[in-house]
mmCIF file of all heavy atoms, coordinates in Angstrom:
data_MODEL
# 
_entry.id   MODEL 
# 
loop_
_atom_site.group_PDB 
_atom_site.id 
_atom_site.type_symbol 
_atom_site.label_atom_id 
_atom_site.label_alt_id 
_atom_site.label_comp_id 
_atom_site.label_asym_id 
_atom_site.label_entity_id 
_atom_site.label_seq_id 
_atom_site.pdbx_PDB_ins_code 
_atom_site.Cartn_x 
_atom_site.Cartn_y 
_atom_site.Cartn_z 
_atom_site.occupancy 
_atom_site.B_iso_or_equiv 
_atom_site.pdbx_formal_charge 
_atom_site.auth_seq_id 
_atom_site.auth_comp_id 
_atom_site.auth_asym_id 
_atom_site.auth_atom_id 
_atom_site.pdbx_PDB_model_num 
ATOM 1   N N   . TYR A 1 1  ? 126.231 105.761 122.909 1.00 0.00 ? 1  TYR A N   1 
ATOM 2   C CA  . TYR A 1 1  ? 125.207 106.382 123.765 1.00 0.00 ? 1  TYR A CA  1 
ATOM 3   C C   . TYR A 1 1  ? 125.926 107.161 124.905 1.00 0.00 ? 1  TYR A C   1 
ATOM 4   O O   . TYR A 1 1  ? 126.943 106.722 125.466 1.00 0.00 ? 1  TYR A O   1 
ATOM 5   C CB  . TYR A 1 1  ? 124.355 105.336 124.446 1.00 0.00 ? 1  TYR A CB  1 
ATOM 6   C CG  . TYR A 1 1  ? 123.493 104.524 123.490 1.00 0.00 ? 1  TYR A CG  1 
ATOM 7   C CD1 . TYR A 1 1  ? 123.795 103.257 123.132 1.00 0.00 ? 1  TYR A CD1 1 
ATOM 8   C CD2 . TYR A 1 1  ? 122.400 105.136 122.935 1.00 0.00 ? 1  TYR A CD2 1 
ATOM 9   C CE1 . TYR A 1 1  ? 123.045 102.544 122.277 1.00 0.00 ? 1  TYR A CE1 1 
ATOM 10  C CE2 . TYR A 1 1  ? 121.550 104.366 122.084 1.00 0.00 ? 1  TYR A CE2 1 
ATOM 11  C CZ  . TYR A 1 1  ? 121.892 103.091 121.728 1.00 0.00 ? 1  TYR A CZ  1 
ATOM 12  O OH  . TYR A 1 1  ? 121.102 102.354 120.878 1.00 0.00 ? 1  TYR A OH  1 
ATOM 13  N N   . ALA A 1 2  ? 125.402 108.237 125.278 1.00 0.00 ? 2  ALA A N   1 
ATOM 14  C CA  . ALA A 1 2  ? 125.798 108.864 126.501 1.00 0.00 ? 2  ALA A CA  1 
ATOM 15  C C   . ALA A 1 2  ? 125.580 107.920 127.716 1.00 0.00 ? 2  ALA A C   1 
ATOM 16  O O   . ALA A 1 2  ? 124.609 107.234 127.730 1.00 0.00 ? 2  ALA A O   1 
ATOM 17  C CB  . ALA A 1 2  ? 124.999 110.222 126.716 1.00 0.00 ? 2  ALA A CB  1 
ATOM 18  N N   . ASP A 1 3  ? 126.525 107.990 128.635 1.00 0.00 ? 3  ASP A N   1 
ATOM 19  C CA  . ASP A 1 3  ? 126.454 107.043 129.757 1.00 0.00 ? 3  ASP A CA  1 
ATOM 20  C C   . ASP A 1 3  ? 125.094 107.050 130.499 1.00 0.00 ? 3  ASP A C   1 
ATOM 21  O O   . ASP A 1 3  ? 124.615 105.982 130.831 1.00 0.00 ? 3  ASP A O   1 
ATOM 22  C CB  . ASP A 1 3  ? 127.585 107.244 130.715 1.00 0.00 ? 3  ASP A CB  1 
ATOM 23  C CG  . ASP A 1 3  ? 128.935 106.816 130.165 1.00 0.00 ? 3  ASP A CG  1 
ATOM 24  O OD1 . ASP A 1 3  ? 129.024 106.077 129.227 1.00 0.00 ? 3  ASP A OD1 1 
ATOM 25  O OD2 . ASP A 1 3  ? 129.968 107.323 130.721 1.00 0.00 ? 3  ASP A OD2 1 
ATOM 26  N N   . SER A 1 4  ? 124.611 108.202 130.691 1.00 0.00 ? 4  SER A N   1 
ATOM 27  C CA  . SER A 1 4  ? 123.338 108.313 131.476 1.00 0.00 ? 4  SER A CA  1 
ATOM 28  C C   . SER A 1 4  ? 122.138 107.773 130.778 1.00 0.00 ? 4  SER A C   1 
ATOM 29  O O   . SER A 1 4  ? 121.107 107.593 131.399 1.00 0.00 ? 4  SER A O   1 
ATOM 30  C CB  . SER A 1 4  ? 123.132 109.842 131.805 1.00 0.00 ? 4  SER A CB  1 
ATOM 31  O OG  . SER A 1 4  ? 122.927 110.598 130.689 1.00 0.00 ? 4  SER A OG  1 
ATOM 32  N N   . LEU A 1 5  ? 122.274 107.545 129.465 1.00 0.00 ? 5  LEU A N   1 
ATOM 33  C CA  . LEU A 1 5  ? 121.118 107.127 128.656 1.00 0.00 ? 5  LEU A CA  1 
ATOM 34  C C   . LEU A 1 5  ? 121.157 105.636 128.310 1.00 0.00 ? 5  LEU A C   1 
ATOM 35  O O   . LEU A 1 5  ? 120.140 105.141 127.683 1.00 0.00 ? 5  LEU A O   1 
ATOM 36  C CB  . LEU A 1 5  ? 121.019 107.920 127.394 1.00 0.00 ? 5  LEU A CB  1 
ATOM 37  C CG  . LEU A 1 5  ? 120.958 109.454 127.647 1.00 0.00 ? 5  LEU A CG  1 
ATOM 38  C CD1 . LEU A 1 5  ? 120.900 110.225 126.327 1.00 0.00 ? 5  LEU A CD1 1 
ATOM 39  C CD2 . LEU A 1 5  ? 119.773 109.843 128.461 1.00 0.00 ? 5  LEU A CD2 1 
ATOM 40  N N   . LYS A 1 6  ? 122.245 105.003 128.584 1.00 0.00 ? 6  LYS A N   1 
ATOM 41  C CA  . LYS A 1 6  ? 122.363 103.587 128.114 1.00 0.00 ? 6  LYS A CA  1 
ATOM 42  C C   . LYS A 1 6  ? 121.313 102.808 128.864 1.00 0.00 ? 6  LYS A C   1 
ATOM 43  O O   . LYS A 1 6  ? 121.052 102.887 130.039 1.00 0.00 ? 6  LYS A O   1 
ATOM 44  C CB  . LYS A 1 6  ? 123.738 103.061 128.528 1.00 0.00 ? 6  LYS A CB  1 
ATOM 45  C CG  . LYS A 1 6  ? 124.866 103.555 127.700 1.00 0.00 ? 6  LYS A CG  1 
ATOM 46  C CD  . LYS A 1 6  ? 126.199 103.062 128.069 1.00 0.00 ? 6  LYS A CD  1 
ATOM 47  C CE  . LYS A 1 6  ? 127.329 103.578 127.231 1.00 0.00 ? 6  LYS A CE  1 
ATOM 48  N NZ  . LYS A 1 6  ? 128.657 103.122 127.656 1.00 0.00 ? 6  LYS A NZ  1 
ATOM 49  N N   . GLY A 1 7  ? 120.590 101.940 128.114 1.00 0.00 ? 7  GLY A N   1 
ATOM 50  C CA  . GLY A 1 7  ? 119.537 101.103 128.680 1.00 0.00 ? 7  GLY A CA  1 
ATOM 51  C C   . GLY A 1 7  ? 118.174 101.741 128.507 1.00 0.00 ? 7  GLY A C   1 
ATOM 52  O O   . GLY A 1 7  ? 117.172 101.033 128.699 1.00 0.00 ? 7  GLY A O   1 
ATOM 53  N N   . ARG A 1 8  ? 118.079 103.082 128.240 1.00 0.00 ? 8  ARG A N   1 
ATOM 54  C CA  . ARG A 1 8  ? 116.818 103.671 128.086 1.00 0.00 ? 8  ARG A CA  1 
ATOM 55  C C   . ARG A 1 8  ? 116.535 104.100 126.632 1.00 0.00 ? 8  ARG A C   1 
ATOM 56  O O   . ARG A 1 8  ? 115.430 104.128 126.164 1.00 0.00 ? 8  ARG A O   1 
ATOM 57  C CB  . ARG A 1 8  ? 116.695 104.914 128.973 1.00 0.00 ? 8  ARG A CB  1 
ATOM 58  C CG  . ARG A 1 8  ? 116.695 104.557 130.459 1.00 0.00 ? 8  ARG A CG  1 
ATOM 59  C CD  . ARG A 1 8  ? 116.280 105.791 131.309 1.00 0.00 ? 8  ARG A CD  1 
ATOM 60  N NE  . ARG A 1 8  ? 117.135 106.963 131.160 1.00 0.00 ? 8  ARG A NE  1 
ATOM 61  C CZ  . ARG A 1 8  ? 116.720 108.134 130.781 1.00 0.00 ? 8  ARG A CZ  1 
ATOM 62  N NH1 . ARG A 1 8  ? 115.418 108.315 130.393 1.00 0.00 ? 8  ARG A NH1 1 
ATOM 63  N NH2 . ARG A 1 8  ? 117.559 109.138 130.646 1.00 0.00 ? 8  ARG A NH2 1 
ATOM 64  N N   . PHE A 1 9  ? 117.602 104.579 125.930 1.00 0.00 ? 9  PHE A N   1 
ATOM 65  C CA  . PHE A 1 9  ? 117.473 105.084 124.553 1.00 0.00 ? 9  PHE A CA  1 
ATOM 66  C C   . PHE A 1 9  ? 118.087 104.062 123.551 1.00 0.00 ? 9  PHE A C   1 
ATOM 67  O O   . PHE A 1 9  ? 119.057 103.419 123.884 1.00 0.00 ? 9  PHE A O   1 
ATOM 68  C CB  . PHE A 1 9  ? 118.207 106.430 124.408 1.00 0.00 ? 9  PHE A CB  1 
ATOM 69  C CG  . PHE A 1 9  ? 117.524 107.596 125.069 1.00 0.00 ? 9  PHE A CG  1 
ATOM 70  C CD1 . PHE A 1 9  ? 116.563 107.441 126.023 1.00 0.00 ? 9  PHE A CD1 1 
ATOM 71  C CD2 . PHE A 1 9  ? 117.843 108.839 124.706 1.00 0.00 ? 9  PHE A CD2 1 
ATOM 72  C CE1 . PHE A 1 9  ? 115.928 108.520 126.591 1.00 0.00 ? 9  PHE A CE1 1 
ATOM 73  C CE2 . PHE A 1 9  ? 117.241 109.938 125.255 1.00 0.00 ? 9  PHE A CE2 1 
ATOM 74  C CZ  . PHE A 1 9  ? 116.324 109.803 126.238 1.00 0.00 ? 9  PHE A CZ  1 
ATOM 75  N N   . THR A 1 10 ? 117.437 103.998 122.421 1.00 0.00 ? 10 THR A N   1 
ATOM 76  C CA  . THR A 1 10 ? 118.021 103.126 121.341 1.00 0.00 ? 10 THR A CA  1 
ATOM 77  C C   . THR A 1 10 ? 117.940 103.833 120.009 1.00 0.00 ? 10 THR A C   1 
ATOM 78  O O   . THR A 1 10 ? 116.899 104.368 119.598 1.00 0.00 ? 10 THR A O   1 
ATOM 79  C CB  . THR A 1 10 ? 117.091 101.827 121.242 1.00 0.00 ? 10 THR A CB  1 
ATOM 80  O OG1 . THR A 1 10 ? 117.038 101.137 122.474 1.00 0.00 ? 10 THR A OG1 1 
ATOM 81  C CG2 . THR A 1 10 ? 117.684 100.902 120.163 1.00 0.00 ? 10 THR A CG2 1 
ATOM 82  N N   . ILE A 1 11 ? 119.055 103.917 119.377 1.00 0.00 ? 11 ILE A N   1 
ATOM 83  C CA  . ILE A 1 11 ? 119.140 104.531 118.075 1.00 0.00 ? 11 ILE A CA  1 
ATOM 84  C C   . ILE A 1 11 ? 119.197 103.423 116.971 1.00 0.00 ? 11 ILE A C   1 
ATOM 85  O O   . ILE A 1 11 ? 119.686 102.332 117.208 1.00 0.00 ? 11 ILE A O   1 
ATOM 86  C CB  . ILE A 1 11 ? 120.538 105.357 117.987 1.00 0.00 ? 11 ILE A CB  1 
ATOM 87  C CG1 . ILE A 1 11 ? 120.426 106.216 116.744 1.00 0.00 ? 11 ILE A CG1 1 
ATOM 88  C CG2 . ILE A 1 11 ? 121.737 104.457 118.015 1.00 0.00 ? 11 ILE A CG2 1 
ATOM 89  C CD1 . ILE A 1 11 ? 121.567 107.263 116.664 1.00 0.00 ? 11 ILE A CD1 1 
ATOM 90  N N   . SER A 1 12 ? 118.541 103.702 115.887 1.00 0.00 ? 12 SER A N   1 
ATOM 91  C CA  . SER A 1 12 ? 118.529 102.773 114.721 1.00 0.00 ? 12 SER A CA  1 
ATOM 92  C C   . SER A 1 12 ? 118.346 103.631 113.469 1.00 0.00 ? 12 SER A C   1 
ATOM 93  O O   . SER A 1 12 ? 118.065 104.806 113.500 1.00 0.00 ? 12 SER A O   1 
ATOM 94  C CB  . SER A 1 12 ? 117.403 101.787 114.888 1.00 0.00 ? 12 SER A CB  1 
ATOM 95  O OG  . SER A 1 12 ? 116.057 102.430 114.898 1.00 0.00 ? 12 SER A OG  1 
ATOM 96  N N   . ARG A 1 13 ? 118.589 102.884 112.319 1.00 0.00 ? 13 ARG A N   1 
ATOM 97  C CA  . ARG A 1 13 ? 118.431 103.525 111.046 1.00 0.00 ? 13 ARG A CA  1 
ATOM 98  C C   . ARG A 1 13 ? 117.802 102.600 110.085 1.00 0.00 ? 13 ARG A C   1 
ATOM 99  O O   . ARG A 1 13 ? 118.095 101.419 110.072 1.00 0.00 ? 13 ARG A O   1 
ATOM 100 C CB  . ARG A 1 13 ? 119.702 104.132 110.598 1.00 0.00 ? 13 ARG A CB  1 
ATOM 101 C CG  . ARG A 1 13 ? 120.788 103.157 110.253 1.00 0.00 ? 13 ARG A CG  1 
ATOM 102 C CD  . ARG A 1 13 ? 122.209 103.888 110.040 1.00 0.00 ? 13 ARG A CD  1 
ATOM 103 N NE  . ARG A 1 13 ? 122.060 104.862 108.951 1.00 0.00 ? 13 ARG A NE  1 
ATOM 104 C CZ  . ARG A 1 13 ? 122.847 105.870 108.780 1.00 0.00 ? 13 ARG A CZ  1 
ATOM 105 N NH1 . ARG A 1 13 ? 123.885 106.104 109.633 1.00 0.00 ? 13 ARG A NH1 1 
ATOM 106 N NH2 . ARG A 1 13 ? 122.755 106.704 107.747 1.00 0.00 ? 13 ARG A NH2 1 
ATOM 107 N N   . ASP A 1 14 ? 117.076 103.139 109.129 1.00 0.00 ? 14 ASP A N   1 
ATOM 108 C CA  . ASP A 1 14 ? 116.522 102.439 108.024 1.00 0.00 ? 14 ASP A CA  1 
ATOM 109 C C   . ASP A 1 14 ? 116.876 103.202 106.765 1.00 0.00 ? 14 ASP A C   1 
ATOM 110 O O   . ASP A 1 14 ? 116.266 104.142 106.339 1.00 0.00 ? 14 ASP A O   1 
ATOM 111 C CB  . ASP A 1 14 ? 115.008 102.294 108.123 1.00 0.00 ? 14 ASP A CB  1 
ATOM 112 C CG  . ASP A 1 14 ? 114.347 101.366 107.067 1.00 0.00 ? 14 ASP A CG  1 
ATOM 113 O OD1 . ASP A 1 14 ? 115.018 101.165 106.022 1.00 0.00 ? 14 ASP A OD1 1 
ATOM 114 O OD2 . ASP A 1 14 ? 113.205 100.943 107.260 1.00 0.00 ? 14 ASP A OD2 1 
ATOM 115 N N   . ASN A 1 15 ? 118.022 102.725 106.205 1.00 0.00 ? 15 ASN A N   1 
ATOM 116 C CA  . ASN A 1 15 ? 118.558 103.475 105.052 1.00 0.00 ? 15 ASN A CA  1 
ATOM 117 C C   . ASN A 1 15 ? 117.612 103.458 103.833 1.00 0.00 ? 15 ASN A C   1 
ATOM 118 O O   . ASN A 1 15 ? 117.666 104.343 103.020 1.00 0.00 ? 15 ASN A O   1 
ATOM 119 C CB  . ASN A 1 15 ? 119.959 102.982 104.712 1.00 0.00 ? 15 ASN A CB  1 
ATOM 120 C CG  . ASN A 1 15 ? 121.026 103.429 105.697 1.00 0.00 ? 15 ASN A CG  1 
ATOM 121 O OD1 . ASN A 1 15 ? 120.825 104.409 106.416 1.00 0.00 ? 15 ASN A OD1 1 
ATOM 122 N ND2 . ASN A 1 15 ? 122.068 102.660 105.767 1.00 0.00 ? 15 ASN A ND2 1 
ATOM 123 N N   . ALA A 1 16 ? 116.881 102.353 103.715 1.00 0.00 ? 16 ALA A N   1 
ATOM 124 C CA  . ALA A 1 16 ? 115.934 102.256 102.621 1.00 0.00 ? 16 ALA A CA  1 
ATOM 125 C C   . ALA A 1 16 ? 114.889 103.350 102.693 1.00 0.00 ? 16 ALA A C   1 
ATOM 126 O O   . ALA A 1 16 ? 114.299 103.767 101.677 1.00 0.00 ? 16 ALA A O   1 
ATOM 127 C CB  . ALA A 1 16 ? 115.301 100.853 102.575 1.00 0.00 ? 16 ALA A CB  1 
ATOM 128 N N   . LYS A 1 17 ? 114.548 103.786 103.929 1.00 0.00 ? 17 LYS A N   1 
ATOM 129 C CA  . LYS A 1 17 ? 113.545 104.814 104.134 1.00 0.00 ? 17 LYS A CA  1 
ATOM 130 C C   . LYS A 1 17 ? 114.138 106.202 104.331 1.00 0.00 ? 17 LYS A C   1 
ATOM 131 O O   . LYS A 1 17 ? 113.470 107.198 104.610 1.00 0.00 ? 17 LYS A O   1 
ATOM 132 C CB  . LYS A 1 17 ? 112.626 104.502 105.353 1.00 0.00 ? 17 LYS A CB  1 
ATOM 133 C CG  . LYS A 1 17 ? 111.780 103.264 105.097 1.00 0.00 ? 17 LYS A CG  1 
ATOM 134 C CD  . LYS A 1 17 ? 110.860 103.027 106.329 1.00 0.00 ? 17 LYS A CD  1 
ATOM 135 C CE  . LYS A 1 17 ? 109.970 101.881 106.115 1.00 0.00 ? 17 LYS A CE  1 
ATOM 136 N NZ  . LYS A 1 17 ? 109.065 101.593 107.292 1.00 0.00 ? 17 LYS A NZ  1 
ATOM 137 N N   . ASN A 1 18 ? 115.504 106.251 104.345 1.00 0.00 ? 18 ASN A N   1 
ATOM 138 C CA  . ASN A 1 18 ? 116.230 107.535 104.533 1.00 0.00 ? 18 ASN A CA  1 
ATOM 139 C C   . ASN A 1 18 ? 115.913 108.128 105.825 1.00 0.00 ? 18 ASN A C   1 
ATOM 140 O O   . ASN A 1 18 ? 115.781 109.327 105.926 1.00 0.00 ? 18 ASN A O   1 
ATOM 141 C CB  . ASN A 1 18 ? 115.950 108.481 103.383 1.00 0.00 ? 18 ASN A CB  1 
ATOM 142 C CG  . ASN A 1 18 ? 117.190 108.961 102.594 1.00 0.00 ? 18 ASN A CG  1 
ATOM 143 O OD1 . ASN A 1 18 ? 118.234 108.238 102.590 1.00 0.00 ? 18 ASN A OD1 1 
ATOM 144 N ND2 . ASN A 1 18 ? 117.147 110.125 102.048 1.00 0.00 ? 18 ASN A ND2 1 
ATOM 145 N N   . THR A 1 19 ? 115.816 107.343 106.898 1.00 0.00 ? 19 THR A N   1 
ATOM 146 C CA  . THR A 1 19 ? 115.356 107.783 108.135 1.00 0.00 ? 19 THR A CA  1 
ATOM 147 C C   . THR A 1 19 ? 116.216 107.159 109.224 1.00 0.00 ? 19 THR A C   1 
ATOM 148 O O   . THR A 1 19 ? 116.485 105.960 109.215 1.00 0.00 ? 19 THR A O   1 
ATOM 149 C CB  . THR A 1 19 ? 113.889 107.483 108.376 1.00 0.00 ? 19 THR A CB  1 
ATOM 150 O OG1 . THR A 1 19 ? 113.123 108.084 107.274 1.00 0.00 ? 19 THR A OG1 1 
ATOM 151 C CG2 . THR A 1 19 ? 113.412 108.014 109.705 1.00 0.00 ? 19 THR A CG2 1 
ATOM 152 N N   . VAL A 1 20 ? 116.481 107.938 110.332 1.00 0.00 ? 20 VAL A N   1 
ATOM 153 C CA  . VAL A 1 20 ? 117.100 107.505 111.556 1.00 0.00 ? 20 VAL A CA  1 
ATOM 154 C C   . VAL A 1 20 ? 116.164 107.705 112.671 1.00 0.00 ? 20 VAL A C   1 
ATOM 155 O O   . VAL A 1 20 ? 115.367 108.715 112.679 1.00 0.00 ? 20 VAL A O   1 
ATOM 156 C CB  . VAL A 1 20 ? 118.387 108.221 111.838 1.00 0.00 ? 20 VAL A CB  1 
ATOM 157 C CG1 . VAL A 1 20 ? 118.979 107.872 113.192 1.00 0.00 ? 20 VAL A CG1 1 
ATOM 158 C CG2 . VAL A 1 20 ? 119.393 107.944 110.763 1.00 0.00 ? 20 VAL A CG2 1 
ATOM 159 N N   . TYR A 1 21 ? 116.126 106.827 113.654 1.00 0.00 ? 21 TYR A N   1 
ATOM 160 C CA  . TYR A 1 21 ? 115.155 106.880 114.786 1.00 0.00 ? 21 TYR A CA  1 
ATOM 161 C C   . TYR A 1 21 ? 115.903 106.952 116.112 1.00 0.00 ? 21 TYR A C   1 
ATOM 162 O O   . TYR A 1 21 ? 117.021 106.491 116.240 1.00 0.00 ? 21 TYR A O   1 
ATOM 163 C CB  . TYR A 1 21 ? 114.317 105.648 114.770 1.00 0.00 ? 21 TYR A CB  1 
ATOM 164 C CG  . TYR A 1 21 ? 113.526 105.354 113.498 1.00 0.00 ? 21 TYR A CG  1 
ATOM 165 C CD1 . TYR A 1 21 ? 114.070 104.507 112.541 1.00 0.00 ? 21 TYR A CD1 1 
ATOM 166 C CD2 . TYR A 1 21 ? 112.361 106.060 113.166 1.00 0.00 ? 21 TYR A CD2 1 
ATOM 167 C CE1 . TYR A 1 21 ? 113.414 104.348 111.306 1.00 0.00 ? 21 TYR A CE1 1 
ATOM 168 C CE2 . TYR A 1 21 ? 111.694 105.867 111.996 1.00 0.00 ? 21 TYR A CE2 1 
ATOM 169 C CZ  . TYR A 1 21 ? 112.225 105.011 111.103 1.00 0.00 ? 21 TYR A CZ  1 
ATOM 170 O OH  . TYR A 1 21 ? 111.480 104.826 109.918 1.00 0.00 ? 21 TYR A OH  1 
ATOM 171 N N   . LEU A 1 22 ? 115.225 107.517 117.117 1.00 0.00 ? 22 LEU A N   1 
ATOM 172 C CA  . LEU A 1 22 ? 115.685 107.459 118.464 1.00 0.00 ? 22 LEU A CA  1 
ATOM 173 C C   . LEU A 1 22 ? 114.474 107.027 119.310 1.00 0.00 ? 22 LEU A C   1 
ATOM 174 O O   . LEU A 1 22 ? 113.529 107.841 119.550 1.00 0.00 ? 22 LEU A O   1 
ATOM 175 C CB  . LEU A 1 22 ? 116.203 108.820 118.941 1.00 0.00 ? 22 LEU A CB  1 
ATOM 176 C CG  . LEU A 1 22 ? 116.775 108.832 120.329 1.00 0.00 ? 22 LEU A CG  1 
ATOM 177 C CD1 . LEU A 1 22 ? 118.112 108.023 120.386 1.00 0.00 ? 22 LEU A CD1 1 
ATOM 178 C CD2 . LEU A 1 22 ? 117.015 110.282 120.806 1.00 0.00 ? 22 LEU A CD2 1 
ATOM 179 N N   . GLN A 1 23 ? 114.543 105.833 119.798 1.00 0.00 ? 23 GLN A N   1 
ATOM 180 C CA  . GLN A 1 23 ? 113.505 105.328 120.699 1.00 0.00 ? 23 GLN A CA  1 
ATOM 181 C C   . GLN A 1 23 ? 113.882 105.629 122.130 1.00 0.00 ? 23 GLN A C   1 
ATOM 182 O O   . GLN A 1 23 ? 114.953 105.305 122.579 1.00 0.00 ? 23 GLN A O   1 
ATOM 183 C CB  . GLN A 1 23 ? 113.315 103.806 120.615 1.00 0.00 ? 23 GLN A CB  1 
ATOM 184 C CG  . GLN A 1 23 ? 112.289 103.143 121.520 1.00 0.00 ? 23 GLN A CG  1 
ATOM 185 C CD  . GLN A 1 23 ? 110.842 103.549 121.197 1.00 0.00 ? 23 GLN A CD  1 
ATOM 186 O OE1 . GLN A 1 23 ? 110.487 103.561 120.016 1.00 0.00 ? 23 GLN A OE1 1 
ATOM 187 N NE2 . GLN A 1 23 ? 110.123 103.916 122.226 1.00 0.00 ? 23 GLN A NE2 1 
ATOM 188 N N   . MET A 1 24 ? 112.955 106.420 122.866 1.00 0.00 ? 24 MET A N   1 
ATOM 189 C CA  . MET A 1 24 ? 113.265 106.914 124.166 1.00 0.00 ? 24 MET A CA  1 
ATOM 190 C C   . MET A 1 24 ? 112.266 106.252 125.144 1.00 0.00 ? 24 MET A C   1 
ATOM 191 O O   . MET A 1 24 ? 111.008 106.491 125.031 1.00 0.00 ? 24 MET A O   1 
ATOM 192 C CB  . MET A 1 24 ? 113.133 108.437 124.232 1.00 0.00 ? 24 MET A CB  1 
ATOM 193 C CG  . MET A 1 24 ? 114.045 109.116 123.143 1.00 0.00 ? 24 MET A CG  1 
ATOM 194 S SD  . MET A 1 24 ? 114.161 110.887 123.356 1.00 0.00 ? 24 MET A SD  1 
ATOM 195 C CE  . MET A 1 24 ? 112.371 111.331 123.080 1.00 0.00 ? 24 MET A CE  1 
# 
């Protein structure tokens, strides 16, 4: 994570769904 975004943004992936997410 970029330093300024730590604690606010969360990245995850679901390879079974062929999708990556960014929770902001």
